[in-house]
N, C-alpha and C. Protein backbone atom coordinates (compact mmCIF):
# COMPACT_ATOMS: atom_id res chain seq x y z
N UNK A 1 115.13 39.89 190.48
CA UNK A 1 115.19 40.34 192.00
C UNK A 1 116.11 41.32 192.54
N UNK A 2 117.53 40.95 191.92
CA UNK A 2 118.39 41.73 192.20
C UNK A 2 118.18 43.21 191.95
N UNK A 3 117.62 43.38 190.90
CA UNK A 3 117.35 44.98 190.37
C UNK A 3 116.44 45.64 191.36
N UNK A 4 115.37 44.76 191.90
CA UNK A 4 114.51 45.38 192.79
C UNK A 4 115.22 45.59 194.06
N UNK A 5 115.97 44.82 194.44
CA UNK A 5 116.74 45.14 195.79
C UNK A 5 117.64 46.27 195.82
N UNK A 6 118.35 46.39 194.49
CA UNK A 6 119.26 47.64 194.30
C UNK A 6 118.37 48.85 194.35
N UNK A 7 117.34 48.85 193.53
CA UNK A 7 116.30 49.93 193.51
C UNK A 7 115.93 50.31 194.84
N UNK A 8 115.47 49.51 195.47
CA UNK A 8 115.08 49.78 196.90
C UNK A 8 116.15 50.36 197.72
N UNK A 9 117.37 49.75 197.83
CA UNK A 9 118.35 50.35 198.44
C UNK A 9 118.70 51.87 198.10
N UNK A 10 118.64 51.99 196.77
CA UNK A 10 118.76 53.55 196.38
C UNK A 10 117.92 54.51 196.70
N UNK A 11 116.47 54.00 196.71
CA UNK A 11 115.47 54.80 197.06
C UNK A 11 115.56 55.06 198.62
N UNK A 12 116.02 54.23 199.40
CA UNK A 12 116.30 54.43 200.77
C UNK A 12 117.28 55.45 200.93
N UNK A 13 118.48 55.39 200.33
CA UNK A 13 119.39 56.33 200.48
C UNK A 13 119.52 57.61 200.03
N UNK A 14 118.70 57.89 198.89
CA UNK A 14 118.50 59.09 198.44
C UNK A 14 118.24 60.26 199.24
N UNK A 15 117.07 59.97 200.23
CA UNK A 15 116.81 60.96 201.26
C UNK A 15 118.03 61.48 201.93
N UNK A 16 118.99 60.66 202.23
CA UNK A 16 119.89 60.84 203.20
C UNK A 16 121.19 61.65 202.40
N UNK A 17 121.11 61.63 201.13
CA UNK A 17 122.12 62.44 200.37
C UNK A 17 121.69 63.60 199.35
N UNK A 18 120.83 64.17 200.12
CA UNK A 18 120.19 65.33 199.21
C UNK A 18 120.43 66.66 199.77
N UNK A 19 121.56 67.34 199.43
CA UNK A 19 121.95 68.37 200.01
C UNK A 19 122.32 68.79 201.32
N UNK A 20 122.88 68.05 201.97
CA UNK A 20 123.34 68.00 203.49
C UNK A 20 124.37 69.32 203.66
N UNK A 21 125.01 69.38 202.52
CA UNK A 21 126.09 70.63 202.54
C UNK A 21 125.17 71.79 202.88
N UNK A 22 124.28 72.01 202.01
CA UNK A 22 123.26 73.23 201.95
C UNK A 22 122.57 73.40 203.13
N UNK A 23 122.11 72.33 203.68
CA UNK A 23 121.27 72.56 204.93
C UNK A 23 122.38 73.03 206.13
N UNK A 24 123.68 72.41 205.99
CA UNK A 24 124.49 72.90 207.05
C UNK A 24 125.03 74.40 207.00
N UNK A 25 125.12 74.70 205.54
CA UNK A 25 125.40 76.14 205.42
C UNK A 25 124.42 77.07 205.88
N UNK A 26 123.17 76.79 205.64
CA UNK A 26 121.96 77.71 205.96
C UNK A 26 121.94 77.58 207.46
N UNK A 27 122.32 76.44 208.23
CA UNK A 27 122.22 76.59 209.58
C UNK A 27 123.38 76.98 210.30
N UNK A 28 124.51 77.47 209.40
CA UNK A 28 125.70 77.91 210.11
C UNK A 28 126.62 76.87 210.64
N UNK A 29 126.66 75.57 210.11
CA UNK A 29 127.57 74.54 210.54
C UNK A 29 128.60 74.27 209.51
N UNK A 30 129.81 74.09 209.76
CA UNK A 30 130.83 74.10 208.76
C UNK A 30 131.53 72.66 208.97
N UNK A 31 131.29 72.09 210.27
CA UNK A 31 131.69 70.79 210.63
C UNK A 31 130.93 69.67 210.42
N UNK A 32 130.99 68.73 209.65
CA UNK A 32 130.15 67.65 209.38
C UNK A 32 129.81 67.10 210.65
N UNK A 33 130.46 66.81 211.70
CA UNK A 33 130.29 66.07 212.94
C UNK A 33 129.58 66.96 213.91
N UNK A 34 129.68 68.30 213.80
CA UNK A 34 129.18 69.29 215.00
C UNK A 34 127.87 69.39 214.83
N UNK A 35 127.31 69.57 216.14
CA UNK A 35 125.83 69.87 216.18
C UNK A 35 125.96 71.42 216.47
N UNK A 36 126.97 71.94 216.76
CA UNK A 36 126.88 73.45 217.25
C UNK A 36 127.20 74.33 215.85
N UNK A 37 126.52 75.35 215.79
CA UNK A 37 126.86 76.47 214.73
C UNK A 37 128.37 76.81 214.76
N UNK A 38 128.78 77.21 213.64
CA UNK A 38 130.24 77.88 213.53
C UNK A 38 130.34 79.14 214.21
N UNK A 39 131.59 79.73 214.33
CA UNK A 39 131.77 80.92 214.97
C UNK A 39 131.24 81.92 214.38
N UNK A 40 131.08 81.94 212.79
CA UNK A 40 130.51 82.99 212.13
C UNK A 40 129.41 82.18 211.26
N UNK A 41 127.94 82.24 211.74
CA UNK A 41 127.12 81.28 211.21
C UNK A 41 126.50 82.12 209.87
N UNK A 42 127.20 83.00 209.32
CA UNK A 42 126.66 83.71 208.04
C UNK A 42 126.98 82.50 206.90
N UNK A 43 125.94 82.39 206.19
CA UNK A 43 125.91 81.25 205.13
C UNK A 43 126.79 82.02 203.98
N UNK A 44 127.49 81.04 203.24
CA UNK A 44 128.29 81.40 202.04
C UNK A 44 127.66 81.16 200.87
N UNK A 45 127.64 81.91 199.76
CA UNK A 45 127.30 81.55 198.40
C UNK A 45 127.88 80.20 197.94
N UNK A 46 127.12 79.30 197.67
CA UNK A 46 127.26 77.82 197.14
C UNK A 46 128.43 77.26 198.20
N UNK A 47 127.89 77.63 199.62
CA UNK A 47 128.61 76.99 200.68
C UNK A 47 128.24 75.32 201.06
N UNK A 48 126.96 75.08 200.39
CA UNK A 48 126.84 73.80 200.56
C UNK A 48 127.87 72.78 199.93
N UNK A 49 128.25 73.38 198.35
CA UNK A 49 128.90 72.63 197.45
C UNK A 49 130.39 72.64 198.37
N UNK A 50 130.74 73.90 198.85
CA UNK A 50 132.07 74.01 199.69
C UNK A 50 132.34 72.81 200.76
N UNK A 51 131.12 72.84 201.38
CA UNK A 51 131.15 71.92 202.77
C UNK A 51 131.16 70.68 202.16
N UNK A 52 130.51 69.97 201.20
CA UNK A 52 130.65 68.65 200.65
C UNK A 52 132.00 68.36 200.23
N UNK A 53 132.68 69.32 199.37
CA UNK A 53 134.15 69.24 199.02
C UNK A 53 134.97 69.05 200.29
N UNK A 54 134.93 69.95 201.20
CA UNK A 54 135.72 69.84 202.46
C UNK A 54 135.37 68.54 203.20
N UNK A 55 134.28 68.04 203.24
CA UNK A 55 134.03 66.74 203.87
C UNK A 55 134.50 65.68 203.13
N UNK A 56 134.53 65.77 201.89
CA UNK A 56 135.12 64.74 200.93
C UNK A 56 136.66 64.58 201.37
N UNK A 57 137.16 65.58 201.24
CA UNK A 57 138.62 65.64 201.52
C UNK A 57 138.89 65.05 202.97
N UNK A 58 138.10 65.73 204.00
CA UNK A 58 138.25 65.07 205.35
C UNK A 58 138.16 63.62 205.49
N UNK A 59 137.15 63.02 204.66
CA UNK A 59 136.82 61.70 205.03
C UNK A 59 137.84 60.57 204.40
N UNK A 60 138.71 61.32 203.48
CA UNK A 60 139.86 60.46 203.29
C UNK A 60 141.24 60.35 204.31
N UNK A 61 141.05 61.47 205.34
CA UNK A 61 141.96 61.52 206.39
C UNK A 61 141.85 60.39 207.44
N UNK A 62 140.77 59.97 207.63
CA UNK A 62 140.56 59.06 208.78
C UNK A 62 139.89 57.75 208.41
N UNK A 63 139.97 56.72 209.11
CA UNK A 63 139.49 55.39 208.76
C UNK A 63 137.94 55.58 208.57
N UNK A 64 137.34 54.89 207.62
CA UNK A 64 136.13 54.93 207.42
C UNK A 64 135.34 53.60 207.51
N UNK A 65 134.31 53.64 208.30
CA UNK A 65 133.48 52.37 208.24
C UNK A 65 132.50 51.99 207.14
N UNK A 66 132.47 53.03 206.26
CA UNK A 66 131.48 53.21 205.23
C UNK A 66 132.07 53.43 203.93
N UNK A 67 132.57 52.42 203.17
CA UNK A 67 133.41 52.37 201.99
C UNK A 67 132.90 53.59 200.90
N UNK A 68 131.68 53.77 200.99
CA UNK A 68 131.25 54.64 199.74
C UNK A 68 131.09 56.14 200.27
N UNK A 69 131.70 56.63 201.35
CA UNK A 69 131.54 58.12 201.88
C UNK A 69 131.97 59.07 200.59
N UNK A 70 132.98 58.84 200.07
CA UNK A 70 133.36 59.67 198.77
C UNK A 70 132.42 59.77 197.91
N UNK A 71 131.91 58.81 197.50
CA UNK A 71 131.08 58.73 196.60
C UNK A 71 129.51 59.33 196.97
N UNK A 72 129.28 59.22 198.20
CA UNK A 72 128.04 59.84 198.79
C UNK A 72 128.10 61.34 198.89
N UNK A 73 129.41 61.86 199.17
CA UNK A 73 129.62 63.21 199.36
C UNK A 73 129.74 63.85 197.93
N UNK A 74 130.15 63.09 196.90
CA UNK A 74 130.24 63.70 195.69
C UNK A 74 128.75 63.64 194.83
N UNK A 75 127.98 62.57 195.18
CA UNK A 75 126.36 62.83 194.89
C UNK A 75 125.92 64.09 195.65
N UNK A 76 126.18 64.05 196.99
CA UNK A 76 125.61 65.24 197.82
C UNK A 76 125.99 66.72 197.15
N UNK A 77 127.19 67.00 196.67
CA UNK A 77 127.77 68.02 195.97
C UNK A 77 126.93 68.28 194.83
N UNK A 78 126.56 67.29 194.04
CA UNK A 78 125.60 67.64 193.05
C UNK A 78 124.19 68.10 193.45
N UNK A 79 123.73 67.67 194.44
CA UNK A 79 122.44 67.87 194.93
C UNK A 79 122.49 69.10 195.74
N UNK A 80 123.57 69.49 196.34
CA UNK A 80 123.97 70.84 196.96
C UNK A 80 124.10 71.99 196.02
N UNK A 81 124.55 71.62 194.87
CA UNK A 81 124.69 72.59 193.74
C UNK A 81 123.35 73.09 193.22
N UNK A 82 122.56 72.31 193.23
CA UNK A 82 120.98 72.49 192.87
C UNK A 82 120.30 73.39 194.11
N UNK A 83 120.62 72.77 195.07
CA UNK A 83 119.93 73.31 196.36
C UNK A 83 120.56 74.73 196.66
N UNK A 84 121.83 74.83 196.48
CA UNK A 84 122.53 76.27 196.54
C UNK A 84 122.05 77.28 195.61
N UNK A 85 121.88 76.74 194.41
CA UNK A 85 121.21 77.82 193.48
C UNK A 85 119.73 78.16 193.82
N UNK A 86 119.12 77.09 194.34
CA UNK A 86 117.76 77.53 194.67
C UNK A 86 117.75 78.40 196.01
N UNK A 87 118.59 78.52 196.95
CA UNK A 87 118.57 79.11 198.12
C UNK A 87 119.53 80.38 197.85
N UNK A 88 119.97 80.76 196.70
CA UNK A 88 120.67 81.99 196.69
C UNK A 88 119.91 83.27 197.16
N UNK A 89 118.58 83.35 196.90
CA UNK A 89 118.00 84.57 197.65
C UNK A 89 118.07 84.52 199.03
N UNK A 90 117.99 83.26 199.57
CA UNK A 90 117.92 83.27 201.26
C UNK A 90 119.36 83.41 201.60
N UNK A 91 120.42 82.97 201.00
CA UNK A 91 121.83 83.43 201.52
C UNK A 91 122.08 84.86 201.33
N UNK A 92 121.55 85.30 200.29
CA UNK A 92 121.67 86.78 199.99
C UNK A 92 121.15 87.70 201.05
N UNK A 93 119.90 87.24 201.43
CA UNK A 93 119.03 87.90 202.64
C UNK A 93 119.80 87.93 203.91
N UNK A 94 120.23 86.57 204.22
CA UNK A 94 120.90 86.37 205.53
C UNK A 94 122.25 87.01 205.50
N UNK A 95 122.95 87.21 204.48
CA UNK A 95 124.31 88.04 204.63
C UNK A 95 124.00 89.41 204.64
N UNK A 96 122.81 90.05 203.96
CA UNK A 96 122.61 91.38 203.95
C UNK A 96 122.12 91.62 205.47
N UNK A 97 121.30 90.87 206.13
CA UNK A 97 121.06 90.92 207.40
C UNK A 97 122.09 90.94 208.46
N UNK A 98 123.01 90.23 208.25
CA UNK A 98 124.08 90.07 209.04
C UNK A 98 125.24 91.49 208.93
N UNK A 99 125.20 91.76 207.77
CA UNK A 99 126.05 93.04 207.34
C UNK A 99 125.40 94.16 208.17
N UNK A 100 123.90 94.35 207.92
CA UNK A 100 123.23 95.61 208.67
C UNK A 100 123.39 95.25 210.11
N UNK A 101 123.33 94.08 210.66
CA UNK A 101 123.47 94.02 212.20
C UNK A 101 124.77 94.46 212.66
N UNK A 102 125.75 94.07 211.96
CA UNK A 102 127.15 94.36 212.07
C UNK A 102 127.53 95.97 211.91
N UNK A 103 126.62 96.84 211.35
CA UNK A 103 126.82 98.02 210.84
C UNK A 103 127.68 98.26 209.68
N UNK A 104 127.76 97.18 208.82
CA UNK A 104 128.44 97.57 207.70
C UNK A 104 127.57 97.62 206.39
N UNK A 105 126.81 98.54 206.32
CA UNK A 105 125.99 98.71 205.27
C UNK A 105 126.70 99.01 204.06
């Protein structure tokens, strides 16, 4: 019975930790707590992994109500590495569009 409860908990948490850093990167957010885009919303190559590592470092600086936050950001960094690889063409296109709009061809 304990295994079933643990499996249920894992299955409920997995959707919450699947590439959040990548979603933030593609939407132009660099701050985990912010709902507003960053000043430069151009996505970075493997920016999702960068975001997760940055958030993992920040989570150690303030008291946490959730003791597993570093573990979750670590797992999310793995998911973000896969999602970042899949979205490389999207990031390249957005970066090219940004450069074209700025006149830096």
